[in-house]
């Protein structure tokens, strides 16, 4: 009788926790995993920036990369106007497809 009461308690505990476990699993596969994938793709894109690439910054400024350092780039935005900025400020590289290859 005591053994049956313990097994009923365990079964009710599992059945009450199951919805929370399912919610966490759905949250992971629909939100967290795709976000991690996008972050990896973005990091790969920023590592591939090279001199001569046309870029659009996250602020909407269009320019051409004139120099690349570890965490920063020198972007020419007009004649005789060059701006040093973080690589993270690059929004997109013009002429790349979604897979990161040149069109």
N, C-alpha and C. Protein backbone atom coordinates (compact mmCIF):
# COMPACT_ATOMS: atom_id res chain seq x y z
N UNK A 1 0.82 -1.19 0.00
CA UNK A 1 0.00 0.00 0.00
C UNK A 1 0.87 1.26 0.00
N UNK A 2 1.92 1.24 0.82
CA UNK A 2 2.82 2.39 0.85
C UNK A 2 3.57 2.49 -0.48
N UNK A 3 3.96 1.37 -1.03
CA UNK A 3 4.66 1.35 -2.31
C UNK A 3 3.78 1.90 -3.42
N UNK A 4 2.50 1.57 -3.39
CA UNK A 4 1.57 2.07 -4.40
C UNK A 4 1.39 3.58 -4.24
N UNK A 5 1.34 4.09 -3.03
CA UNK A 5 1.19 5.52 -2.79
C UNK A 5 2.42 6.28 -3.30
N UNK A 6 3.60 5.70 -3.11
CA UNK A 6 4.82 6.34 -3.60
C UNK A 6 4.85 6.38 -5.13
N UNK A 7 4.44 5.30 -5.77
CA UNK A 7 4.45 5.28 -7.23
C UNK A 7 3.40 6.23 -7.79
N UNK A 8 2.26 6.38 -7.11
CA UNK A 8 1.25 7.35 -7.54
C UNK A 8 1.79 8.77 -7.40
N UNK A 9 2.56 9.02 -6.35
CA UNK A 9 3.16 10.34 -6.14
C UNK A 9 4.17 10.67 -7.22
N UNK A 10 4.97 9.70 -7.59
CA UNK A 10 5.97 9.91 -8.64
C UNK A 10 5.27 10.14 -9.98
N UNK A 11 4.23 9.38 -10.26
CA UNK A 11 3.50 9.55 -11.52
C UNK A 11 2.85 10.92 -11.59
N UNK A 12 2.29 11.39 -10.49
CA UNK A 12 1.66 12.72 -10.52
C UNK A 12 2.71 13.82 -10.64
N UNK A 13 3.88 13.61 -10.05
CA UNK A 13 4.97 14.58 -10.17
C UNK A 13 5.44 14.67 -11.62
N UNK A 14 5.62 13.52 -12.25
CA UNK A 14 6.06 13.50 -13.65
C UNK A 14 5.00 14.14 -14.55
N UNK A 15 3.75 13.81 -14.32
CA UNK A 15 2.69 14.38 -15.17
C UNK A 15 2.52 15.87 -14.96
N UNK A 16 2.86 16.38 -13.78
CA UNK A 16 2.76 17.83 -13.57
C UNK A 16 3.98 18.56 -14.12
N UNK A 17 5.12 17.91 -14.20
CA UNK A 17 6.33 18.55 -14.74
C UNK A 17 6.43 18.43 -16.26
N UNK A 18 5.75 17.48 -16.84
CA UNK A 18 5.84 17.25 -18.28
C UNK A 18 5.50 18.49 -19.12
N UNK A 19 4.43 19.23 -18.82
CA UNK A 19 4.16 20.43 -19.63
C UNK A 19 5.29 21.46 -19.57
N UNK A 20 5.91 21.63 -18.41
CA UNK A 20 7.01 22.58 -18.30
C UNK A 20 8.22 22.13 -19.11
N UNK A 21 8.49 20.85 -19.09
CA UNK A 21 9.60 20.30 -19.86
C UNK A 21 9.34 20.48 -21.36
N UNK A 22 8.11 20.26 -21.79
CA UNK A 22 7.77 20.45 -23.20
C UNK A 22 7.89 21.92 -23.61
N UNK A 23 7.45 22.83 -22.75
CA UNK A 23 7.55 24.26 -23.05
C UNK A 23 9.02 24.67 -23.19
N UNK A 24 9.86 24.18 -22.31
CA UNK A 24 11.29 24.50 -22.38
C UNK A 24 11.90 23.94 -23.67
N UNK A 25 11.52 22.74 -24.05
CA UNK A 25 12.04 22.13 -25.28
C UNK A 25 11.60 22.93 -26.51
N UNK A 26 10.34 23.33 -26.56
CA UNK A 26 9.84 24.13 -27.68
C UNK A 26 10.55 25.47 -27.72
N UNK A 27 10.71 26.11 -26.58
CA UNK A 27 11.41 27.39 -26.49
C UNK A 27 12.83 27.26 -27.05
N UNK A 28 13.52 26.20 -26.69
CA UNK A 28 14.89 25.99 -27.15
C UNK A 28 14.94 25.83 -28.67
N UNK A 29 14.10 24.96 -29.21
CA UNK A 29 14.17 24.67 -30.64
C UNK A 29 13.60 25.77 -31.53
N UNK A 30 12.68 26.58 -31.02
CA UNK A 30 12.09 27.64 -31.84
C UNK A 30 12.77 28.99 -31.68
N UNK A 31 13.42 29.23 -30.55
CA UNK A 31 13.99 30.55 -30.30
C UNK A 31 15.50 30.51 -30.11
N UNK A 32 15.97 29.76 -29.16
CA UNK A 32 17.39 29.81 -28.82
C UNK A 32 18.30 29.22 -29.89
N UNK A 33 17.96 28.08 -30.42
CA UNK A 33 18.83 27.42 -31.40
C UNK A 33 18.97 28.24 -32.69
N UNK A 34 17.88 28.75 -33.27
CA UNK A 34 18.04 29.58 -34.47
C UNK A 34 18.84 30.86 -34.20
N UNK A 35 18.67 31.43 -33.02
CA UNK A 35 19.41 32.64 -32.67
C UNK A 35 20.91 32.35 -32.60
N UNK A 36 21.29 31.23 -32.02
CA UNK A 36 22.70 30.85 -31.96
C UNK A 36 23.26 30.64 -33.36
N UNK A 37 22.46 30.07 -34.24
CA UNK A 37 22.90 29.83 -35.61
C UNK A 37 23.14 31.16 -36.33
N UNK A 38 22.23 32.13 -36.15
CA UNK A 38 22.40 33.45 -36.76
C UNK A 38 23.64 34.16 -36.22
N UNK A 39 23.91 34.02 -34.92
CA UNK A 39 25.09 34.65 -34.34
C UNK A 39 26.37 34.07 -34.93
N UNK A 40 26.40 32.77 -35.13
CA UNK A 40 27.58 32.14 -35.73
C UNK A 40 27.78 32.61 -37.17
N UNK A 41 26.68 32.70 -37.93
CA UNK A 41 26.76 33.15 -39.32
C UNK A 41 27.24 34.59 -39.39
N UNK A 42 26.75 35.44 -38.49
CA UNK A 42 27.16 36.85 -38.47
C UNK A 42 28.64 36.97 -38.12
N UNK A 43 29.09 36.20 -37.14
CA UNK A 43 30.51 36.24 -36.76
C UNK A 43 31.38 35.81 -37.93
N UNK A 44 30.94 34.79 -38.66
CA UNK A 44 31.68 34.32 -39.83
C UNK A 44 31.71 35.40 -40.91
N UNK A 45 30.59 36.08 -41.12
CA UNK A 45 30.50 37.15 -42.10
C UNK A 45 31.47 38.27 -41.75
N UNK A 46 31.49 38.68 -40.49
CA UNK A 46 32.36 39.79 -40.08
C UNK A 46 33.84 39.41 -40.14
N UNK A 47 34.15 38.14 -39.92
CA UNK A 47 35.54 37.70 -40.04
C UNK A 47 36.00 37.72 -41.50
N UNK A 48 35.06 37.62 -42.43
CA UNK A 48 35.40 37.58 -43.85
C UNK A 48 35.47 38.94 -44.51
N UNK A 49 35.29 40.02 -43.76
CA UNK A 49 35.36 41.37 -44.33
C UNK A 49 36.79 41.63 -44.79
N UNK A 50 36.91 42.16 -46.02
CA UNK A 50 38.25 42.45 -46.55
C UNK A 50 38.24 43.79 -47.28
N UNK A 51 39.43 44.28 -47.56
CA UNK A 51 39.58 45.56 -48.25
C UNK A 51 38.87 45.51 -49.59
N UNK A 52 38.13 46.56 -49.89
CA UNK A 52 37.41 46.66 -51.15
C UNK A 52 35.95 46.26 -51.06
N UNK A 53 35.54 45.61 -49.97
CA UNK A 53 34.13 45.23 -49.81
C UNK A 53 33.27 46.48 -49.62
N UNK A 54 32.13 46.49 -50.26
CA UNK A 54 31.16 47.57 -50.05
C UNK A 54 30.26 47.14 -48.90
N UNK A 55 30.09 48.02 -47.91
CA UNK A 55 29.34 47.68 -46.71
C UNK A 55 28.28 48.73 -46.43
N UNK A 56 27.28 48.31 -45.67
CA UNK A 56 26.28 49.22 -45.13
C UNK A 56 26.33 49.02 -43.62
N UNK A 57 26.53 50.11 -42.89
CA UNK A 57 26.62 50.00 -41.44
C UNK A 57 25.23 49.84 -40.83
N UNK A 58 25.21 49.50 -39.56
CA UNK A 58 23.92 49.37 -38.88
C UNK A 58 23.21 50.71 -38.77
N UNK A 59 23.95 51.80 -38.94
CA UNK A 59 23.35 53.14 -38.93
C UNK A 59 22.90 53.58 -40.31
N UNK A 60 23.14 52.77 -41.34
CA UNK A 60 22.67 53.08 -42.69
C UNK A 60 23.69 53.79 -43.56
N UNK A 61 24.93 53.91 -43.11
CA UNK A 61 25.97 54.57 -43.89
C UNK A 61 26.57 53.58 -44.88
N UNK A 62 26.65 53.99 -46.15
CA UNK A 62 27.22 53.15 -47.20
C UNK A 62 28.68 53.55 -47.39
N UNK A 63 29.54 52.56 -47.56
CA UNK A 63 30.95 52.87 -47.75
C UNK A 63 31.71 51.67 -48.28
N UNK A 64 33.02 51.88 -48.46
CA UNK A 64 33.92 50.84 -48.96
C UNK A 64 35.01 50.62 -47.92
N UNK A 65 35.30 49.37 -47.63
CA UNK A 65 36.33 49.04 -46.64
C UNK A 65 37.70 49.37 -47.23
N UNK A 66 38.46 50.19 -46.50
CA UNK A 66 39.80 50.59 -46.93
C UNK A 66 40.88 49.85 -46.16
N UNK A 67 40.55 49.36 -44.96
CA UNK A 67 41.52 48.64 -44.16
C UNK A 67 40.82 47.81 -43.11
N UNK A 68 41.45 46.70 -42.71
CA UNK A 68 40.85 45.80 -41.73
C UNK A 68 41.86 45.52 -40.63
N UNK A 69 41.42 45.64 -39.39
CA UNK A 69 42.22 45.26 -38.23
C UNK A 69 41.46 44.15 -37.50
N UNK A 70 41.92 43.78 -36.32
CA UNK A 70 41.29 42.69 -35.58
C UNK A 70 39.80 42.94 -35.33
N UNK A 71 39.48 44.03 -34.65
CA UNK A 71 38.10 44.30 -34.28
C UNK A 71 37.53 45.55 -34.93
N UNK A 72 38.28 46.17 -35.82
CA UNK A 72 37.80 47.40 -36.43
C UNK A 72 38.10 47.42 -37.92
N UNK A 73 37.43 48.33 -38.62
CA UNK A 73 37.65 48.51 -40.05
C UNK A 73 37.72 50.00 -40.34
N UNK A 74 38.40 50.35 -41.41
CA UNK A 74 38.46 51.72 -41.89
C UNK A 74 37.56 51.78 -43.12
N UNK A 75 36.51 52.59 -43.06
CA UNK A 75 35.52 52.64 -44.13
C UNK A 75 35.55 54.02 -44.79
N UNK A 76 35.68 54.03 -46.12
CA UNK A 76 35.64 55.27 -46.88
C UNK A 76 34.18 55.53 -47.23
N UNK A 77 33.65 56.66 -46.75
CA UNK A 77 32.23 56.96 -46.99
C UNK A 77 32.04 58.09 -48.00
N UNK A 78 33.11 58.83 -48.31
CA UNK A 78 33.07 59.88 -49.33
C UNK A 78 34.52 60.18 -49.71
N UNK A 79 34.71 61.04 -50.71
CA UNK A 79 36.07 61.42 -51.09
C UNK A 79 36.75 62.09 -49.89
N UNK A 80 37.93 61.61 -49.56
CA UNK A 80 38.73 62.13 -48.45
C UNK A 80 38.05 62.01 -47.09
N UNK A 81 37.06 61.13 -46.95
CA UNK A 81 36.40 60.92 -45.65
C UNK A 81 36.46 59.43 -45.33
N UNK A 82 37.27 59.11 -44.33
CA UNK A 82 37.39 57.72 -43.88
C UNK A 82 37.05 57.67 -42.40
N UNK A 83 36.31 56.63 -42.02
CA UNK A 83 35.85 56.49 -40.64
C UNK A 83 36.31 55.14 -40.12
N UNK A 84 36.91 55.16 -38.93
CA UNK A 84 37.29 53.91 -38.28
C UNK A 84 36.12 53.48 -37.40
N UNK A 85 35.68 52.24 -37.55
CA UNK A 85 34.54 51.75 -36.76
C UNK A 85 34.75 50.29 -36.40
N UNK A 86 34.00 49.84 -35.40
CA UNK A 86 34.04 48.43 -35.00
C UNK A 86 33.44 47.57 -36.11
N UNK A 87 33.95 46.35 -36.22
CA UNK A 87 33.36 45.42 -37.19
C UNK A 87 31.90 45.15 -36.87
N UNK A 88 31.55 45.20 -35.59
CA UNK A 88 30.17 44.94 -35.19
C UNK A 88 29.20 45.97 -35.75
N UNK A 89 29.70 47.14 -36.17
CA UNK A 89 28.84 48.18 -36.74
C UNK A 89 28.45 47.88 -38.18
N UNK A 90 29.07 46.89 -38.80
CA UNK A 90 28.73 46.53 -40.17
C UNK A 90 27.41 45.76 -40.16
N UNK A 91 26.43 46.29 -40.88
CA UNK A 91 25.13 45.63 -40.96
C UNK A 91 25.12 44.56 -42.03
N UNK A 92 25.54 44.93 -43.23
CA UNK A 92 25.57 43.97 -44.34
C UNK A 92 26.76 44.27 -45.24
N UNK A 93 27.14 43.28 -46.01
CA UNK A 93 28.15 43.45 -47.05
C UNK A 93 27.40 43.40 -48.37
N UNK A 94 27.47 44.47 -49.14
CA UNK A 94 26.73 44.58 -50.39
C UNK A 94 27.29 43.57 -51.38
N UNK A 95 26.39 42.86 -52.06
CA UNK A 95 26.80 41.90 -53.08
C UNK A 95 26.93 40.49 -52.58
N UNK A 96 26.60 40.24 -51.32
CA UNK A 96 26.64 38.88 -50.80
C UNK A 96 25.24 38.30 -50.75
N UNK A 97 25.15 37.01 -51.03
CA UNK A 97 23.87 36.33 -50.88
C UNK A 97 23.69 35.94 -49.42
N UNK A 98 22.58 35.32 -49.07
CA UNK A 98 22.31 34.90 -47.71
C UNK A 98 23.33 33.87 -47.21
N UNK A 99 23.94 33.13 -48.11
CA UNK A 99 24.91 32.11 -47.71
C UNK A 99 26.31 32.70 -47.52
N UNK A 100 26.47 34.01 -47.74
CA UNK A 100 27.77 34.64 -47.55
C UNK A 100 28.68 34.54 -48.75
N UNK A 101 28.13 34.21 -49.93
CA UNK A 101 28.93 34.11 -51.14
C UNK A 101 28.64 35.30 -52.03
N UNK A 102 29.62 35.69 -52.83
CA UNK A 102 29.44 36.81 -53.76
C UNK A 102 28.40 36.45 -54.81
N UNK A 103 27.60 37.45 -55.17
CA UNK A 103 26.59 37.24 -56.22
C UNK A 103 27.26 37.11 -57.57
